Protein backbone atom coordinates (compact mmCIF):
# COMPACT_ATOMS: atom_id res chain seq x y z
CA MET A 1 0.00 0.00 0.00
CA GLU A 2 2.77 2.38 0.84
CA GLU A 3 4.37 1.67 -2.47
CA LEU A 4 1.13 2.48 -4.31
CA GLU A 5 0.74 5.69 -2.34
CA GLN A 6 4.24 6.70 -3.33
CA GLU A 7 3.63 5.96 -7.04
CA VAL A 8 0.51 8.15 -7.29
CA PRO A 9 2.23 11.44 -6.44
CA ASP A 10 4.88 10.59 -8.96
CA GLU A 11 2.21 10.13 -11.67
CA ARG A 12 0.52 13.39 -10.60
CA CYS A 13 3.84 15.15 -10.83
CA ALA A 14 4.34 13.72 -14.29
CA ASP A 15 0.87 14.93 -15.36
CA GLN A 16 1.59 18.37 -13.95
CA ALA A 17 4.86 18.52 -15.78
CA LEU A 18 3.14 17.53 -19.02
CA LYS A 19 0.55 20.26 -18.56
CA ASP A 20 3.29 22.79 -17.91
CA ARG A 21 5.02 21.75 -21.10
CA VAL A 22 1.77 22.09 -23.10
CA LYS A 23 1.20 25.58 -21.70
CA THR A 24 4.76 26.50 -22.59
CA CYS A 25 4.29 25.21 -26.15
CA ASP A 26 0.97 27.08 -26.48
CA SER A 27 2.62 30.24 -25.22
CA LEU A 28 5.49 29.82 -27.67
CA ALA A 29 3.12 29.02 -30.53
CA SER A 30 0.98 32.06 -29.80
CA THR A 31 4.08 34.19 -29.57
CA HIS A 32 5.35 32.89 -32.92
CA ALA A 33 1.92 33.36 -34.46
CA ALA A 34 1.77 36.93 -33.23
CA GLN A 35 5.23 37.54 -34.60
CA ASP A 36 4.20 36.03 -37.91
CA ILE A 37 1.10 38.17 -38.03
CA PHE A 38 3.06 41.22 -37.10
CA GLN A 39 5.64 40.39 -39.74
CA VAL A 40 2.95 39.92 -42.38
CA ARG A 41 1.36 43.22 -41.46
CA THR A 42 4.71 44.91 -41.51
CA GLU A 43 5.47 43.49 -44.95
CA VAL A 44 2.07 44.53 -46.29
CA THR A 45 2.00 48.03 -44.84
CA ASP A 46 5.56 48.69 -45.83
CA GLY A 47 4.52 48.38 -49.48
CA LEU A 48 1.24 50.36 -49.18
CA PRO A 49 0.58 54.11 -49.15
CA VAL A 50 0.23 55.65 -45.71
CA GLU A 51 -3.48 56.31 -46.24
CA LYS A 52 -4.20 52.55 -46.43
CA TRP A 53 -2.63 51.61 -43.07
CA ASN A 54 -5.24 50.18 -40.72
CA THR A 55 -3.66 49.68 -37.25
CA PRO A 56 -3.99 52.22 -34.43
CA VAL A 57 -0.24 52.69 -34.25
CA GLU A 58 -0.03 53.18 -37.99
CA HIS A 59 -2.93 55.67 -37.95
CA SER A 60 -1.16 57.68 -35.33
CA VAL A 61 2.01 57.60 -37.40
CA ASN A 62 -0.03 58.73 -40.40
CA GLU A 63 -1.46 61.68 -38.44
CA VAL A 64 1.98 62.65 -37.21
CA ASN A 65 3.33 62.55 -40.76
CA GLU A 66 0.46 64.73 -42.00
CA ILE A 67 1.09 67.27 -39.24
CA THR A 68 4.80 67.21 -40.06
CA GLU A 69 4.06 67.76 -43.75
CA VAL A 70 1.82 70.73 -42.93
CA GLN A 71 4.51 72.20 -40.68
CA VAL A 72 7.10 71.71 -43.40
CA LYS A 73 4.84 73.45 -45.90
CA ILE A 74 4.30 76.35 -43.52
CA GLU A 75 7.92 76.63 -42.63
CA ASP A 76 9.16 76.24 -46.24
CA PRO A 77 7.11 78.58 -48.49
CA GLU A 78 7.47 78.42 -52.28
CA PRO A 79 10.42 80.36 -53.58
CA ALA A 80 9.55 83.64 -55.27
CA LYS A 81 9.53 83.75 -59.09
CA ASP A 82 12.49 85.20 -60.81
CA PRO A 83 11.52 88.57 -62.40
CA LYS A 84 13.40 87.54 -65.52
CA GLU A 85 11.01 84.61 -65.99
CA ASP A 86 8.02 87.00 -65.89
CA GLU A 87 9.68 89.20 -68.48
CA VAL A 88 10.28 86.21 -70.74
CA GLU A 89 6.62 85.14 -70.43
CA VAL A 90 5.37 88.63 -71.27
CA ALA A 91 7.74 88.88 -74.23
CA THR A 92 6.62 85.47 -75.52
CA GLU A 93 2.95 86.44 -75.24
CA ARG A 94 3.57 89.69 -77.10
CA GLU A 95 5.46 87.84 -79.81
CA TRP A 96 2.63 85.33 -80.21
CA THR A 97 0.03 88.14 -80.39
CA PHE A 98 2.08 89.95 -83.03
CA ARG A 99 2.47 86.71 -85.00
CA LYS A 100 -1.29 86.09 -84.93
CA LYS A 101 -1.97 89.63 -86.18
CA LEU A 102 0.59 89.19 -88.92
CA LEU A 103 -0.93 85.86 -90.02
CA MET A 104 -4.41 87.41 -90.06
CA ALA A 105 -3.22 90.36 -92.14
CA TRP A 106 -1.55 87.95 -94.61
CA TYR A 107 -4.73 85.87 -94.80
CA LEU A 108 -6.83 88.95 -95.59
CA ALA A 109 -4.34 90.01 -98.28
CA MET A 110 -4.42 86.56 -99.89
CA THR A 111 -8.22 86.57 -99.83
CA VAL A 112 -8.21 89.86 -101.75
CA VAL A 113 -5.71 88.34 -104.21
CA TYR A 114 -8.09 85.40 -104.63
CA PHE A 115 -11.02 87.74 -105.42
CA VAL A 116 -8.89 89.57 -107.99
CA TYR A 117 -7.82 86.26 -109.52
CA ARG A 118 -11.40 85.06 -109.77
CA SER A 119 -12.49 88.33 -111.38
CA GLN A 120 -9.89 87.81 -114.13
CA GLU A 121 -10.62 84.12 -114.64
CA ILE A 122 -12.51 82.98 -117.71
CA SER A 123 -15.81 81.27 -116.89
CA ILE A 124 -15.64 77.50 -117.17
CA PHE A 125 -19.20 77.28 -118.53
CA THR A 126 -18.38 78.34 -122.09
CA PRO A 127 -17.74 76.49 -125.36
CA ALA A 128 -14.06 77.53 -125.13
CA ALA A 129 -11.47 75.03 -123.95
CA PHE A 130 -9.47 75.51 -120.75
CA GLU A 131 -6.23 77.44 -121.04
CA LEU A 132 -3.40 78.60 -118.83
CA ARG A 133 -2.76 82.31 -118.29
CA TRP A 134 -0.27 84.25 -116.20
CA GLN A 135 -2.99 84.83 -113.56
CA ASP A 136 -2.85 81.13 -112.70
CA SER A 137 0.56 81.71 -111.14
CA ALA A 138 -1.39 82.96 -108.12
CA GLY A 139 -1.85 79.27 -107.29
CA LEU A 140 1.85 79.09 -106.39
CA LEU A 141 1.39 81.98 -103.97
CA PHE A 142 -1.55 80.22 -102.33
CA ALA A 143 0.35 76.95 -102.05
CA LEU A 144 3.36 78.74 -100.53
CA SER A 145 1.06 80.47 -98.03
CA PHE A 146 -0.25 77.08 -96.94
CA LEU A 147 3.26 75.72 -96.48
CA MET A 148 4.12 78.68 -94.24
CA THR A 149 0.92 78.79 -92.17
CA ARG A 150 -0.70 75.32 -92.60
CA LYS A 151 -4.09 76.99 -93.06
CA PRO A 152 -6.28 74.83 -95.38
CA SER A 153 -8.16 77.82 -96.84
CA TYR A 154 -5.15 78.65 -99.00
CA LEU A 155 -5.45 75.24 -100.66
CA ILE A 156 -9.12 75.98 -101.44
CA TYR A 157 -7.95 79.17 -103.17
CA ALA A 158 -5.40 77.14 -105.12
CA ILE A 159 -7.90 74.60 -106.50
CA ASN A 160 -8.86 76.60 -109.62
CA PRO A 161 -5.28 77.24 -110.84
CA PHE A 162 -4.40 73.60 -110.17
CA ARG A 163 -7.53 72.48 -112.03
CA ASN A 164 -6.59 74.61 -115.04
CA VAL A 165 -3.18 72.95 -115.22
CA LEU A 166 -4.69 69.44 -115.13
CA LEU A 167 -7.40 70.28 -117.68
CA VAL A 168 -4.86 71.69 -120.14
CA MET A 169 -2.86 68.48 -119.78
CA LEU A 170 -5.99 66.35 -120.34
CA GLN A 171 -6.91 68.41 -123.41
CA ALA A 172 -3.44 67.80 -124.82
CA ILE A 173 -3.82 64.04 -124.25
CA PHE A 174 -7.45 63.89 -125.48
CA PRO A 175 -7.91 66.56 -128.20
CA GLU A 176 -11.66 65.93 -128.31
CA LEU A 177 -11.98 67.77 -124.97
CA SER A 178 -10.93 71.01 -126.70
CA GLU A 179 -13.68 70.95 -129.32
CA ARG A 180 -16.37 73.66 -129.31
CA ARG A 181 -19.37 71.36 -129.08
CA THR A 182 -21.94 70.66 -126.38
CA ASN A 183 -20.78 67.21 -125.38
CA PRO A 184 -17.09 68.15 -125.02
CA GLU A 185 -18.15 71.03 -122.80
CA TYR A 186 -19.95 68.58 -120.52
CA TYR A 187 -16.86 66.38 -120.49
CA ARG A 188 -14.66 69.34 -119.52
CA ASN A 189 -17.03 70.57 -116.83
CA ILE A 190 -17.46 67.11 -115.31
CA CYS A 191 -13.67 66.70 -115.22
CA SER A 192 -13.37 70.14 -113.63
CA ALA A 193 -15.93 69.36 -110.92
CA SER A 194 -14.33 65.95 -110.30
CA ILE A 195 -10.91 67.54 -109.79
CA GLN A 196 -12.42 70.03 -107.36
CA LEU A 197 -14.14 67.20 -105.48
CA CYS A 198 -10.95 65.14 -105.23
CA CYS A 199 -8.93 68.16 -104.05
CA GLY A 200 -11.60 69.12 -101.51
CA CYS A 201 -11.74 65.60 -100.08
CA ALA A 202 -7.93 65.42 -99.84
CA ILE A 203 -7.79 68.78 -98.02
CA TRP A 204 -10.67 67.72 -95.77
CA PHE A 205 -9.02 64.47 -94.69
CA PHE A 206 -5.33 65.44 -94.56
CA THR A 207 -5.29 68.94 -93.07
CA THR A 208 -6.19 70.41 -89.68
CA PRO A 209 -8.58 73.40 -89.52
CA GLN A 210 -7.53 76.62 -87.81
CA PRO A 211 -10.93 78.20 -87.08
CA ILE A 212 -11.20 81.98 -86.72
CA GLY A 213 -13.05 83.27 -83.66
CA ASP A 214 -12.70 80.08 -81.61
CA GLY A 215 -14.41 80.60 -78.25
CA THR A 216 -16.27 83.76 -79.33
CA SER A 217 -19.56 84.58 -81.02
CA TRP A 218 -17.71 84.54 -84.36
CA ALA A 219 -17.33 80.79 -83.97
CA LEU A 220 -21.09 80.27 -83.88
CA GLN A 221 -22.89 79.00 -86.96
CA MET A 222 -25.64 81.50 -86.08
CA PRO A 223 -23.99 84.59 -84.50
CA CYS A 224 -27.27 86.45 -84.99
CA LEU A 225 -28.62 84.54 -81.95
CA ASP A 226 -25.86 85.83 -79.67
CA GLY A 227 -27.63 89.10 -78.78
CA PRO A 228 -28.23 89.97 -75.11
CA CYS A 229 -31.98 89.39 -75.38
CA LEU A 230 -31.53 85.96 -77.02
CA ARG A 231 -28.46 84.65 -75.22
CA GLU A 232 -30.35 82.91 -72.41
CA ARG A 233 -32.66 81.07 -74.80
CA ARG A 234 -30.08 80.61 -77.55
CA PRO A 235 -29.94 76.77 -77.32
CA CYS A 236 -33.70 76.56 -77.80
CA PHE A 237 -33.74 79.07 -80.67
CA GLN A 238 -30.75 77.35 -82.27
CA LYS A 239 -32.41 73.95 -82.14
CA TRP A 240 -35.59 75.21 -83.77
CA PHE A 241 -33.72 77.36 -86.29
CA ILE A 242 -31.71 74.32 -87.42
CA ARG A 243 -34.94 72.34 -87.78
CA VAL A 244 -36.49 75.09 -89.90
CA VAL A 245 -33.38 75.39 -92.10
CA ASN A 246 -33.18 71.60 -92.57
CA SER A 247 -36.85 71.51 -93.55
CA LEU A 248 -36.33 74.35 -96.04
CA LEU A 249 -33.31 72.64 -97.58
CA LEU A 250 -35.16 69.35 -97.90
CA LEU A 251 -38.36 70.84 -99.36
CA THR A 252 -36.60 73.22 -101.76
CA GLY A 253 -34.31 70.40 -102.87
CA ILE A 254 -37.26 68.16 -103.66
CA ALA A 255 -39.12 71.01 -105.40
CA ALA A 256 -36.07 71.97 -107.49
CA THR A 257 -35.55 68.33 -108.53
CA VAL A 258 -39.19 67.87 -109.56
CA ILE A 259 -39.38 71.15 -111.50
CA ALA A 260 -36.07 70.49 -113.28
CA LEU A 261 -37.06 66.90 -114.04
CA GLU A 262 -40.34 68.08 -115.54
CA GLU A 263 -38.46 70.53 -117.74
CA GLN A 264 -35.68 68.15 -118.77
CA THR A 265 -38.00 65.21 -119.56
CA ASP A 266 -40.51 67.10 -121.70
CA SER A 267 -43.20 67.06 -118.99
CA PHE A 268 -42.22 63.57 -117.79
CA ARG A 269 -42.71 62.02 -121.23
CA THR A 270 -39.18 60.65 -121.67
CA LEU A 271 -35.91 60.59 -119.81
CA HIS A 272 -33.86 60.33 -123.02
CA THR A 273 -33.70 64.01 -123.86
CA GLU A 274 -30.68 65.93 -125.11
CA ASP A 275 -27.67 65.42 -122.83
CA HIS A 276 -29.95 64.60 -119.89
CA GLY A 277 -27.56 62.02 -118.46
CA TRP A 278 -24.61 64.44 -118.59
CA LYS A 279 -26.72 67.11 -116.88
CA ILE A 280 -27.53 64.79 -114.00
CA ILE A 281 -23.90 63.71 -113.58
CA LEU A 282 -22.58 67.28 -113.72
CA SER A 283 -25.20 68.51 -111.23
CA ILE A 284 -24.37 65.82 -108.67
CA VAL A 285 -20.59 66.10 -108.95
CA LEU A 286 -20.61 69.91 -108.99
CA GLY A 287 -22.99 70.22 -106.03
CA ILE A 288 -21.04 67.78 -103.85
CA SER A 289 -17.68 69.31 -104.78
CA GLU A 290 -18.89 72.80 -103.81
CA GLU A 291 -20.16 71.58 -100.45
CA VAL A 292 -17.02 69.65 -99.59
CA SER A 293 -14.74 72.54 -100.58
CA TRP A 294 -16.62 75.47 -99.08
CA ARG A 295 -18.70 74.11 -96.20
CA SER A 296 -16.78 71.04 -95.01
CA VAL A 297 -13.30 72.57 -95.42
CA TYR A 298 -13.45 76.36 -95.72
CA MET A 299 -16.17 76.88 -93.11
CA ALA A 300 -14.40 74.60 -90.61
CA ASP A 301 -11.21 76.58 -91.19
CA ASN A 302 -12.95 79.95 -90.63
CA ASN A 303 -16.58 80.22 -89.52
CA ASN A 304 -20.02 80.31 -91.10
CA SER A 305 -20.12 84.09 -91.52
CA ILE A 306 -16.76 84.29 -93.28
CA GLN A 307 -17.50 81.38 -95.62
CA ALA A 308 -20.85 82.96 -96.58
CA PHE A 309 -19.16 86.31 -97.29
CA THR A 310 -16.36 84.71 -99.32
CA TRP A 311 -18.75 82.57 -101.34
CA GLY A 312 -20.98 85.58 -102.00
CA MET A 313 -18.04 87.72 -103.16
CA ASN A 314 -16.91 84.82 -105.31
CA HIS A 315 -20.20 85.06 -107.22
CA VAL A 316 -20.02 88.86 -107.37
CA VAL A 317 -16.64 88.86 -109.13
CA ALA A 318 -17.00 85.68 -111.21
CA GLY A 319 -20.65 84.59 -111.26
CA THR A 320 -22.77 84.54 -114.41
CA GLY A 321 -26.15 83.44 -113.05
CA ILE A 322 -27.85 86.87 -112.61
CA ASP A 323 -27.34 90.03 -114.64
CA ASN A 324 -26.81 92.18 -111.54
CA PRO A 325 -23.67 90.80 -109.85
CA TRP A 326 -24.41 92.41 -106.47
CA VAL A 327 -27.87 90.86 -106.28
CA TYR A 328 -26.30 87.56 -107.30
CA GLY A 329 -23.68 87.93 -104.56
CA ILE A 330 -26.22 88.73 -101.82
CA VAL A 331 -28.45 85.80 -102.83
CA SER A 332 -25.43 83.47 -102.95
CA ALA A 333 -24.15 84.66 -99.53
CA ALA A 334 -27.58 84.14 -97.91
CA TYR A 335 -27.83 80.67 -99.46
CA ALA A 336 -24.30 79.79 -98.28
CA PHE A 337 -25.11 80.98 -94.76
CA LEU A 338 -28.22 78.77 -94.56
CA LEU A 339 -26.24 75.81 -95.87
CA GLY A 340 -23.64 76.44 -93.17
CA VAL A 341 -26.30 76.45 -90.46
CA SER A 342 -27.33 72.88 -91.27
CA PRO A 343 -25.10 70.27 -89.56
CA SER A 344 -26.14 67.58 -92.06
CA VAL A 345 -23.53 67.13 -94.81
CA GLY A 346 -25.81 64.80 -96.78
CA LEU A 347 -28.71 67.27 -96.75
CA ARG A 348 -26.45 70.10 -97.87
CA CYS A 349 -25.09 68.03 -100.75
CA PHE A 350 -28.58 66.95 -101.84
CA ASN A 351 -29.93 70.49 -101.86
CA HIS A 352 -26.91 71.91 -103.69
CA ALA A 353 -27.00 69.17 -106.33
CA ALA A 354 -30.74 69.79 -106.80
CA VAL A 355 -30.16 73.53 -107.27
CA GLU A 356 -27.40 72.84 -109.83
CA TYR A 357 -29.79 70.50 -111.67
CA PHE A 358 -32.45 73.22 -111.57
CA VAL A 359 -30.16 75.84 -113.19
CA ILE A 360 -28.17 73.46 -115.38
CA ASP A 361 -29.41 75.04 -118.63
CA ASN A 362 -28.03 78.37 -117.41
CA LEU A 363 -24.64 76.78 -116.79
CA VAL A 364 -24.26 74.75 -119.98
CA LYS A 365 -26.38 76.33 -122.68
CA PRO A 366 -28.48 73.83 -124.66
CA GLU A 367 -28.01 73.37 -128.40
CA GLY A 368 -29.77 76.15 -130.31
CA HIS A 369 -28.89 78.85 -127.77
CA PRO A 370 -27.37 82.01 -129.34
CA ILE A 371 -24.02 81.07 -127.81
CA TRP A 372 -23.88 78.13 -130.23
CA LEU A 373 -25.01 80.16 -133.27
CA PRO A 374 -21.52 80.60 -134.83
CA GLN A 375 -21.01 76.84 -134.54
CA SER A 376 -24.38 76.13 -136.18
CA VAL A 377 -23.66 78.62 -139.01
CA SER A 378 -20.26 77.06 -139.63
CA HIS A 379 -21.91 73.64 -139.97
CA ILE A 380 -24.46 75.02 -142.49
CA VAL A 381 -21.74 76.72 -144.52
């Protein structure tokens, strides 16, 4: 019995020792785990911005850093600007302003040169073949102006001289184009309009506009709505004005097409009238080429008011549609302004082509017109 009593305490001591060891292991494990966790957090927060720290200690460090940064900012104000830098900025701004004024003056001078050139140019809608004259050298001046300023409007001015060069070359290759007959005149005019269309599309796609009046009322398609009494409700007026203009362009285009078709088809009896196919082709190509050149390119490079004025003056100095050139110029400028108001390129092209179809007999005179009388007499003789 005594031996058993002595063995029990020994077993209890062994159990107690085992428990102590387990507690020690647990304590060590928890300590290692905490260290691991702390290490992980340290590794994570070391790679993160201060704002994303999420422990109380780290928040306090963040606040201390912010206070330190504020103190540093207060204690270290920004250094004062060097007066020489201000002088350089003012000089640069003056130089840029002077350069802009110089470019504008040059542009106005070249526009006047263009009007003079157009006033001396022979009308393309005549039985005479195309020819080169010394006035066409103005095209080189326009091209040089574009190379210096990169303003696409100069290339629009240069289209007619460039077209004359190409047409003279085509007439040398195909002598039939030079003949004084109705069909060759249609061939020449269609080639002329096609060259203008190709040039306009190339300028449209490969140049960058430099609009005049950017950020001011001059940049508006409808500067007439920029008055003090209309400024507050300008978006509403502009929306309705565009709708009215689009409706007018659509209706007048349809009406012009129907009236011209009735006249060209002998009251809708037959489509196979004299040169009817050439008239349709010339009307479409000429109308689209005018819209691409003057509205899609020239208007984007200036503004709607300037393109309307330039197009109107173009018809004053070179137009042959109305006996009074000033009336013709005012009507043309008003028409160009309305075309510029419409944002729809397709609608503008349709209306312009319809108008060209409507007045086609005034452009290319039909056989039997007095302009063809010498030709008819020469045939009889």
